[in-house]
Amino acid sequence: MSSKEAQILANKQGVDLVEIAANANPPVVKIIDWGKYQYQKMKEEAKNRKKAREKQSELKQMKIGLKISDNDLNIKVRKMRSFLDDGDRVKILIIFRGREMAHKEIGQELLEKVVGLLGDGIIVEGKPQMNGRNLSVQVRKK
């Protein structure tokens, strides 16, 4: 129908004439309520963003000092397991303070202990790296 007829029909119904595809020949328009159309479009975009966020695995970070007690270490390992079960990757940071930098082998042993406590269901991504005063490695679930 012609654009004038469509505009008259839209005015009678109390709704808007909205151009959907401007590049088409002839241009495609719909007779719809503009507010409702915008609301539905906004909800659909929010839903798509939420789906994209769910698929993306996050990188969680767990900091551990060299003098951590066994109970505290077990609590942190339990939290890391929950992150891994959610599909996230975990970056384990062993933090060296003061003169602890002279004993990097203790940090390596602690890191191996943490990876051992996490179990067989994980994959260590890369080898441990020293970044300043931190020894770090990333792990993810198989």
N, C-alpha and C. Protein backbone atom coordinates (compact mmCIF):
# COMPACT_ATOMS: atom_id res chain seq x y z
N MET A 1 0.85 -1.17 0.00
CA MET A 1 0.00 0.00 0.00
C MET A 1 0.89 1.23 0.00
N SER A 2 0.33 2.34 -0.34
CA SER A 2 1.11 3.57 -0.40
C SER A 2 1.41 4.06 1.02
N SER A 3 2.41 4.94 1.12
CA SER A 3 2.82 5.44 2.44
C SER A 3 1.72 6.29 3.07
N LYS A 4 0.95 7.03 2.25
CA LYS A 4 -0.13 7.85 2.80
C LYS A 4 -1.24 7.00 3.38
N GLU A 5 -1.60 5.92 2.66
CA GLU A 5 -2.64 5.02 3.16
C GLU A 5 -2.20 4.37 4.48
N ALA A 6 -0.93 3.96 4.53
CA ALA A 6 -0.40 3.32 5.74
C ALA A 6 -0.41 4.31 6.90
N GLN A 7 -0.04 5.54 6.64
CA GLN A 7 -0.02 6.57 7.69
C GLN A 7 -1.43 6.84 8.22
N ILE A 8 -2.42 6.90 7.33
CA ILE A 8 -3.81 7.12 7.73
C ILE A 8 -4.30 5.94 8.58
N LEU A 9 -3.97 4.72 8.14
CA LEU A 9 -4.38 3.52 8.88
C LEU A 9 -3.74 3.51 10.27
N ALA A 10 -2.47 3.88 10.36
CA ALA A 10 -1.78 3.92 11.66
C ALA A 10 -2.40 4.96 12.57
N ASN A 11 -2.75 6.12 12.04
CA ASN A 11 -3.37 7.17 12.84
C ASN A 11 -4.73 6.74 13.37
N LYS A 12 -5.51 6.00 12.55
CA LYS A 12 -6.82 5.51 13.00
C LYS A 12 -6.68 4.55 14.17
N GLN A 13 -5.63 3.70 14.10
CA GLN A 13 -5.43 2.69 15.16
C GLN A 13 -4.71 3.27 16.38
N GLY A 14 -4.17 4.47 16.24
CA GLY A 14 -3.47 5.10 17.36
C GLY A 14 -2.09 4.53 17.60
N VAL A 15 -1.46 4.00 16.56
CA VAL A 15 -0.11 3.45 16.68
C VAL A 15 0.80 4.16 15.68
N ASP A 16 2.04 3.70 15.59
CA ASP A 16 3.04 4.36 14.76
C ASP A 16 3.35 3.55 13.51
N LEU A 17 3.85 4.25 12.50
CA LEU A 17 4.33 3.63 11.27
C LEU A 17 5.85 3.63 11.37
N VAL A 18 6.45 2.43 11.52
CA VAL A 18 7.87 2.31 11.79
C VAL A 18 8.58 1.68 10.60
N GLU A 19 9.67 2.31 10.16
CA GLU A 19 10.46 1.80 9.05
C GLU A 19 11.38 0.69 9.58
N ILE A 20 11.23 -0.51 9.03
CA ILE A 20 12.01 -1.66 9.49
C ILE A 20 13.25 -1.84 8.63
N ALA A 21 13.10 -1.84 7.31
CA ALA A 21 14.22 -2.04 6.39
C ALA A 21 14.24 -0.88 5.40
N ALA A 22 15.13 0.07 5.64
CA ALA A 22 15.19 1.26 4.79
C ALA A 22 15.85 0.97 3.45
N ASN A 23 16.74 -0.01 3.40
CA ASN A 23 17.50 -0.28 2.18
C ASN A 23 16.72 -1.12 1.17
N ALA A 24 15.60 -1.71 1.57
CA ALA A 24 14.81 -2.53 0.66
C ALA A 24 14.12 -1.65 -0.38
N ASN A 25 13.73 -2.27 -1.47
CA ASN A 25 13.05 -1.51 -2.53
C ASN A 25 11.70 -2.16 -2.79
N PRO A 26 10.58 -1.63 -2.43
CA PRO A 26 10.35 -0.41 -1.67
C PRO A 26 10.68 -0.62 -0.19
N PRO A 27 10.91 0.45 0.58
CA PRO A 27 11.24 0.33 2.01
C PRO A 27 10.12 -0.39 2.77
N VAL A 28 10.54 -1.23 3.72
CA VAL A 28 9.59 -2.02 4.50
C VAL A 28 9.24 -1.25 5.77
N VAL A 29 7.93 -1.09 6.03
CA VAL A 29 7.46 -0.42 7.25
C VAL A 29 6.40 -1.31 7.92
N LYS A 30 6.25 -1.12 9.23
CA LYS A 30 5.23 -1.86 10.00
C LYS A 30 4.39 -0.88 10.78
N ILE A 31 3.15 -1.26 10.98
CA ILE A 31 2.26 -0.47 11.82
C ILE A 31 2.28 -1.10 13.21
N ILE A 32 3.03 -0.48 14.12
CA ILE A 32 3.19 -1.02 15.48
C ILE A 32 3.25 0.11 16.48
N ASP A 33 3.12 -0.24 17.75
CA ASP A 33 3.28 0.72 18.84
C ASP A 33 4.79 0.88 19.07
N TRP A 34 5.31 2.09 18.85
CA TRP A 34 6.75 2.34 18.91
C TRP A 34 7.33 2.05 20.30
N GLY A 35 6.66 2.42 21.34
CA GLY A 35 7.14 2.18 22.70
C GLY A 35 7.27 0.70 23.00
N LYS A 36 6.26 -0.06 22.59
CA LYS A 36 6.27 -1.50 22.81
C LYS A 36 7.39 -2.15 22.00
N TYR A 37 7.58 -1.68 20.77
CA TYR A 37 8.63 -2.21 19.90
C TYR A 37 10.01 -1.96 20.52
N GLN A 38 10.24 -0.76 21.02
CA GLN A 38 11.52 -0.42 21.65
C GLN A 38 11.75 -1.28 22.89
N TYR A 39 10.71 -1.48 23.69
CA TYR A 39 10.82 -2.28 24.90
C TYR A 39 11.19 -3.72 24.57
N GLN A 40 10.53 -4.31 23.59
CA GLN A 40 10.83 -5.69 23.19
C GLN A 40 12.25 -5.82 22.64
N LYS A 41 12.67 -4.83 21.86
CA LYS A 41 14.01 -4.84 21.30
C LYS A 41 15.06 -4.75 22.42
N MET A 42 14.81 -3.91 23.42
CA MET A 42 15.73 -3.73 24.53
C MET A 42 15.82 -5.03 25.35
N LYS A 43 14.68 -5.68 25.59
CA LYS A 43 14.69 -6.94 26.34
C LYS A 43 15.46 -8.02 25.59
N GLU A 44 15.29 -8.08 24.28
CA GLU A 44 15.98 -9.08 23.47
C GLU A 44 17.49 -8.85 23.50
N GLU A 45 17.93 -7.60 23.43
CA GLU A 45 19.36 -7.28 23.50
C GLU A 45 19.93 -7.66 24.86
N ALA A 46 19.19 -7.40 25.92
CA ALA A 46 19.64 -7.75 27.27
C ALA A 46 19.78 -9.26 27.41
N LYS A 47 18.84 -9.99 26.83
CA LYS A 47 18.89 -11.46 26.88
C LYS A 47 20.11 -11.97 26.13
N ASN A 48 20.41 -11.38 24.97
CA ASN A 48 21.59 -11.79 24.20
C ASN A 48 22.89 -11.48 24.94
N ARG A 49 22.94 -10.32 25.62
CA ARG A 49 24.13 -9.98 26.40
C ARG A 49 24.33 -10.96 27.54
N LYS A 50 23.22 -11.36 28.18
CA LYS A 50 23.31 -12.29 29.29
C LYS A 50 23.82 -13.65 28.82
N LYS A 51 23.34 -14.10 27.67
CA LYS A 51 23.81 -15.38 27.12
C LYS A 51 25.29 -15.31 26.78
N ALA A 52 25.74 -14.20 26.21
CA ALA A 52 27.14 -14.04 25.86
C ALA A 52 28.01 -14.05 27.12
N ARG A 53 27.51 -13.43 28.18
CA ARG A 53 28.26 -13.38 29.44
C ARG A 53 28.36 -14.76 30.06
N GLU A 54 27.29 -15.57 29.95
CA GLU A 54 27.29 -16.90 30.53
C GLU A 54 28.30 -17.80 29.85
N LYS A 55 28.43 -17.69 28.53
CA LYS A 55 29.34 -18.55 27.78
C LYS A 55 30.79 -18.22 28.07
N GLN A 56 31.07 -16.96 28.36
CA GLN A 56 32.43 -16.52 28.56
C GLN A 56 32.91 -16.97 29.94
N SER A 57 34.01 -17.73 29.97
CA SER A 57 34.52 -18.17 31.26
C SER A 57 35.37 -17.06 31.86
N GLU A 58 35.15 -16.78 33.10
CA GLU A 58 35.87 -15.71 33.76
C GLU A 58 37.19 -16.24 34.31
N LEU A 59 38.10 -15.33 34.56
CA LEU A 59 39.37 -15.66 35.19
C LEU A 59 39.30 -15.20 36.64
N LYS A 60 39.24 -16.16 37.55
CA LYS A 60 39.22 -15.85 38.98
C LYS A 60 40.65 -15.91 39.49
N GLN A 61 40.92 -15.16 40.53
CA GLN A 61 42.27 -15.08 41.06
C GLN A 61 42.27 -15.44 42.53
N MET A 62 43.21 -16.30 42.95
CA MET A 62 43.31 -16.70 44.34
C MET A 62 44.73 -16.43 44.82
N LYS A 63 44.86 -15.55 45.82
CA LYS A 63 46.17 -15.18 46.35
C LYS A 63 46.47 -16.02 47.59
N ILE A 64 47.70 -16.54 47.65
CA ILE A 64 48.11 -17.39 48.76
C ILE A 64 49.49 -16.93 49.23
N GLY A 65 49.63 -16.72 50.51
CA GLY A 65 50.92 -16.37 51.09
C GLY A 65 51.70 -17.63 51.44
N LEU A 66 53.03 -17.50 51.61
CA LEU A 66 53.85 -18.67 51.93
C LEU A 66 53.57 -19.24 53.31
N LYS A 67 53.15 -18.42 54.25
CA LYS A 67 52.95 -18.87 55.63
C LYS A 67 51.51 -19.26 55.91
N ILE A 68 50.76 -19.69 54.91
CA ILE A 68 49.35 -20.04 55.08
C ILE A 68 49.23 -21.35 55.87
N SER A 69 48.25 -21.42 56.76
CA SER A 69 48.04 -22.65 57.53
C SER A 69 47.29 -23.67 56.66
N ASP A 70 47.33 -24.92 57.09
CA ASP A 70 46.70 -25.99 56.31
C ASP A 70 45.19 -25.79 56.20
N ASN A 71 44.55 -25.37 57.28
CA ASN A 71 43.10 -25.17 57.25
C ASN A 71 42.72 -24.05 56.29
N ASP A 72 43.46 -22.94 56.34
CA ASP A 72 43.18 -21.82 55.42
C ASP A 72 43.40 -22.26 53.98
N LEU A 73 44.45 -23.04 53.76
CA LEU A 73 44.74 -23.54 52.42
C LEU A 73 43.61 -24.43 51.92
N ASN A 74 43.08 -25.29 52.79
CA ASN A 74 41.97 -26.16 52.39
C ASN A 74 40.73 -25.36 52.03
N ILE A 75 40.47 -24.27 52.76
CA ILE A 75 39.32 -23.42 52.46
C ILE A 75 39.50 -22.77 51.08
N LYS A 76 40.70 -22.28 50.80
CA LYS A 76 40.97 -21.65 49.51
C LYS A 76 40.86 -22.67 48.37
N VAL A 77 41.34 -23.89 48.60
CA VAL A 77 41.25 -24.94 47.58
C VAL A 77 39.79 -25.28 47.32
N ARG A 78 38.96 -25.34 48.37
CA ARG A 78 37.54 -25.61 48.20
C ARG A 78 36.87 -24.52 47.36
N LYS A 79 37.25 -23.27 47.60
CA LYS A 79 36.70 -22.16 46.83
C LYS A 79 37.16 -22.23 45.37
N MET A 80 38.42 -22.60 45.15
CA MET A 80 38.92 -22.75 43.78
C MET A 80 38.17 -23.86 43.04
N ARG A 81 37.88 -24.96 43.75
CA ARG A 81 37.11 -26.05 43.13
C ARG A 81 35.73 -25.57 42.70
N SER A 82 35.10 -24.73 43.53
CA SER A 82 33.77 -24.23 43.17
C SER A 82 33.87 -23.33 41.94
N PHE A 83 34.93 -22.52 41.84
CA PHE A 83 35.13 -21.70 40.64
C PHE A 83 35.30 -22.58 39.42
N LEU A 84 36.12 -23.63 39.55
CA LEU A 84 36.37 -24.53 38.42
C LEU A 84 35.10 -25.28 38.02
N ASP A 85 34.29 -25.66 39.00
CA ASP A 85 33.02 -26.35 38.69
C ASP A 85 32.05 -25.44 37.96
N ASP A 86 32.16 -24.11 38.20
CA ASP A 86 31.31 -23.15 37.49
C ASP A 86 31.79 -22.88 36.08
N GLY A 87 32.94 -23.47 35.69
CA GLY A 87 33.46 -23.29 34.35
C GLY A 87 34.45 -22.15 34.22
N ASP A 88 34.87 -21.57 35.35
CA ASP A 88 35.82 -20.46 35.32
C ASP A 88 37.25 -21.00 35.37
N ARG A 89 38.17 -20.20 34.88
CA ARG A 89 39.59 -20.51 35.04
C ARG A 89 40.06 -19.82 36.31
N VAL A 90 41.09 -20.38 36.96
CA VAL A 90 41.58 -19.82 38.21
C VAL A 90 43.07 -19.54 38.07
N LYS A 91 43.45 -18.32 38.43
CA LYS A 91 44.86 -17.95 38.46
C LYS A 91 45.31 -18.03 39.91
N ILE A 92 46.27 -18.92 40.19
CA ILE A 92 46.78 -19.10 41.54
C ILE A 92 48.03 -18.23 41.69
N LEU A 93 48.01 -17.33 42.66
CA LEU A 93 49.14 -16.44 42.92
C LEU A 93 49.76 -16.78 44.26
N ILE A 94 51.05 -17.12 44.25
CA ILE A 94 51.80 -17.30 45.48
C ILE A 94 52.54 -15.99 45.70
N ILE A 95 52.25 -15.33 46.82
CA ILE A 95 52.79 -14.00 47.07
C ILE A 95 53.99 -14.11 48.01
N PHE A 96 55.10 -13.50 47.59
CA PHE A 96 56.30 -13.45 48.40
C PHE A 96 56.39 -12.08 49.06
N ARG A 97 56.67 -12.07 50.37
CA ARG A 97 56.80 -10.81 51.10
C ARG A 97 58.21 -10.73 51.69
N GLY A 98 58.79 -9.56 51.60
CA GLY A 98 60.08 -9.31 52.25
C GLY A 98 61.16 -10.28 51.83
N ARG A 99 61.75 -10.94 52.82
CA ARG A 99 62.88 -11.84 52.57
C ARG A 99 62.46 -13.20 52.03
N GLU A 100 61.18 -13.40 51.89
CA GLU A 100 60.70 -14.67 51.32
C GLU A 100 61.17 -14.86 49.89
N MET A 101 61.55 -13.76 49.21
CA MET A 101 62.01 -13.84 47.83
C MET A 101 63.27 -14.71 47.72
N ALA A 102 64.01 -14.86 48.80
CA ALA A 102 65.22 -15.67 48.78
C ALA A 102 64.89 -17.17 48.75
N HIS A 103 63.63 -17.52 49.02
CA HIS A 103 63.23 -18.94 49.08
C HIS A 103 62.13 -19.23 48.08
N LYS A 104 62.45 -19.06 46.81
CA LYS A 104 61.45 -19.29 45.77
C LYS A 104 61.05 -20.76 45.67
N GLU A 105 61.94 -21.65 46.10
CA GLU A 105 61.63 -23.09 46.04
C GLU A 105 60.47 -23.45 46.96
N ILE A 106 60.32 -22.73 48.08
CA ILE A 106 59.19 -22.97 48.98
C ILE A 106 57.88 -22.60 48.28
N GLY A 107 57.90 -21.52 47.51
CA GLY A 107 56.72 -21.13 46.73
C GLY A 107 56.37 -22.17 45.68
N GLN A 108 57.40 -22.73 45.03
CA GLN A 108 57.16 -23.79 44.03
C GLN A 108 56.51 -25.00 44.69
N GLU A 109 57.02 -25.39 45.86
CA GLU A 109 56.46 -26.54 46.58
C GLU A 109 55.00 -26.28 46.98
N LEU A 110 54.71 -25.07 47.44
CA LEU A 110 53.35 -24.72 47.82
C LEU A 110 52.42 -24.77 46.62
N LEU A 111 52.90 -24.27 45.49
CA LEU A 111 52.09 -24.30 44.27
C LEU A 111 51.80 -25.74 43.85
N GLU A 112 52.81 -26.60 43.91
CA GLU A 112 52.60 -28.03 43.57
C GLU A 112 51.61 -28.67 44.54
N LYS A 113 51.68 -28.29 45.81
CA LYS A 113 50.75 -28.82 46.81
C LYS A 113 49.32 -28.40 46.50
N VAL A 114 49.14 -27.13 46.13
CA VAL A 114 47.79 -26.62 45.81
C VAL A 114 47.24 -27.36 44.59
N VAL A 115 48.05 -27.52 43.55
CA VAL A 115 47.60 -28.22 42.34
C VAL A 115 47.28 -29.67 42.68
N GLY A 116 48.06 -30.29 43.55
CA GLY A 116 47.78 -31.66 43.98
C GLY A 116 46.47 -31.76 44.75
N LEU A 117 46.18 -30.76 45.60
CA LEU A 117 44.94 -30.76 46.37
C LEU A 117 43.72 -30.55 45.48
N LEU A 118 43.89 -29.85 44.36
CA LEU A 118 42.77 -29.62 43.45
C LEU A 118 42.33 -30.91 42.77
N GLY A 119 43.23 -31.87 42.63
CA GLY A 119 42.85 -33.17 42.09
C GLY A 119 43.24 -33.36 40.63
N ASP A 120 42.78 -34.50 40.07
CA ASP A 120 43.16 -34.88 38.71
C ASP A 120 42.28 -34.24 37.65
N GLY A 121 41.17 -33.65 38.02
CA GLY A 121 40.23 -33.11 37.04
C GLY A 121 40.59 -31.74 36.51
N ILE A 122 41.84 -31.30 36.68
CA ILE A 122 42.22 -29.97 36.21
C ILE A 122 43.39 -30.04 35.23
N ILE A 123 43.53 -28.98 34.47
CA ILE A 123 44.64 -28.84 33.53
C ILE A 123 45.40 -27.58 33.91
N VAL A 124 46.72 -27.69 34.07
CA VAL A 124 47.55 -26.53 34.36
C VAL A 124 47.94 -25.92 33.02
N GLU A 125 47.59 -24.65 32.82
CA GLU A 125 47.88 -23.97 31.56
C GLU A 125 49.23 -23.28 31.67
N GLY A 126 50.22 -23.81 30.99
CA GLY A 126 51.56 -23.23 31.01
C GLY A 126 52.30 -23.62 32.27
N LYS A 127 53.52 -23.11 32.37
CA LYS A 127 54.32 -23.40 33.56
C LYS A 127 54.29 -22.19 34.49
N PRO A 128 54.60 -22.40 35.78
CA PRO A 128 54.58 -21.29 36.74
C PRO A 128 55.54 -20.18 36.33
N GLN A 129 55.09 -18.92 36.49
CA GLN A 129 55.89 -17.77 36.11
C GLN A 129 56.05 -16.82 37.28
N MET A 130 57.25 -16.23 37.39
CA MET A 130 57.49 -15.20 38.39
C MET A 130 57.19 -13.84 37.77
N ASN A 131 56.28 -13.09 38.38
CA ASN A 131 55.96 -11.73 37.95
C ASN A 131 56.19 -10.82 39.15
N GLY A 132 57.37 -10.20 39.21
CA GLY A 132 57.68 -9.37 40.36
C GLY A 132 57.83 -10.23 41.60
N ARG A 133 56.96 -9.99 42.58
CA ARG A 133 57.01 -10.77 43.84
C ARG A 133 55.96 -11.87 43.88
N ASN A 134 55.40 -12.22 42.72
CA ASN A 134 54.34 -13.23 42.66
C ASN A 134 54.74 -14.40 41.76
N LEU A 135 54.41 -15.59 42.18
CA LEU A 135 54.56 -16.79 41.36
C LEU A 135 53.14 -17.19 40.96
N SER A 136 52.89 -17.30 39.67
CA SER A 136 51.50 -17.55 39.25
C SER A 136 51.41 -18.65 38.21
N VAL A 137 50.24 -19.28 38.19
CA VAL A 137 49.90 -20.30 37.20
C VAL A 137 48.39 -20.31 37.05
N GLN A 138 47.91 -20.64 35.83
CA GLN A 138 46.47 -20.71 35.59
C GLN A 138 46.05 -22.16 35.45
N VAL A 139 44.89 -22.48 36.02
CA VAL A 139 44.34 -23.83 35.91
C VAL A 139 42.90 -23.74 35.42
N ARG A 140 42.47 -24.81 34.76
CA ARG A 140 41.07 -24.91 34.32
C ARG A 140 40.64 -26.36 34.43
N LYS A 141 39.35 -26.57 34.35
CA LYS A 141 38.80 -27.91 34.45
C LYS A 141 38.93 -28.63 33.11
N LYS A 142 39.12 -29.95 33.17
CA LYS A 142 39.23 -30.75 31.94
C LYS A 142 37.93 -30.71 31.16
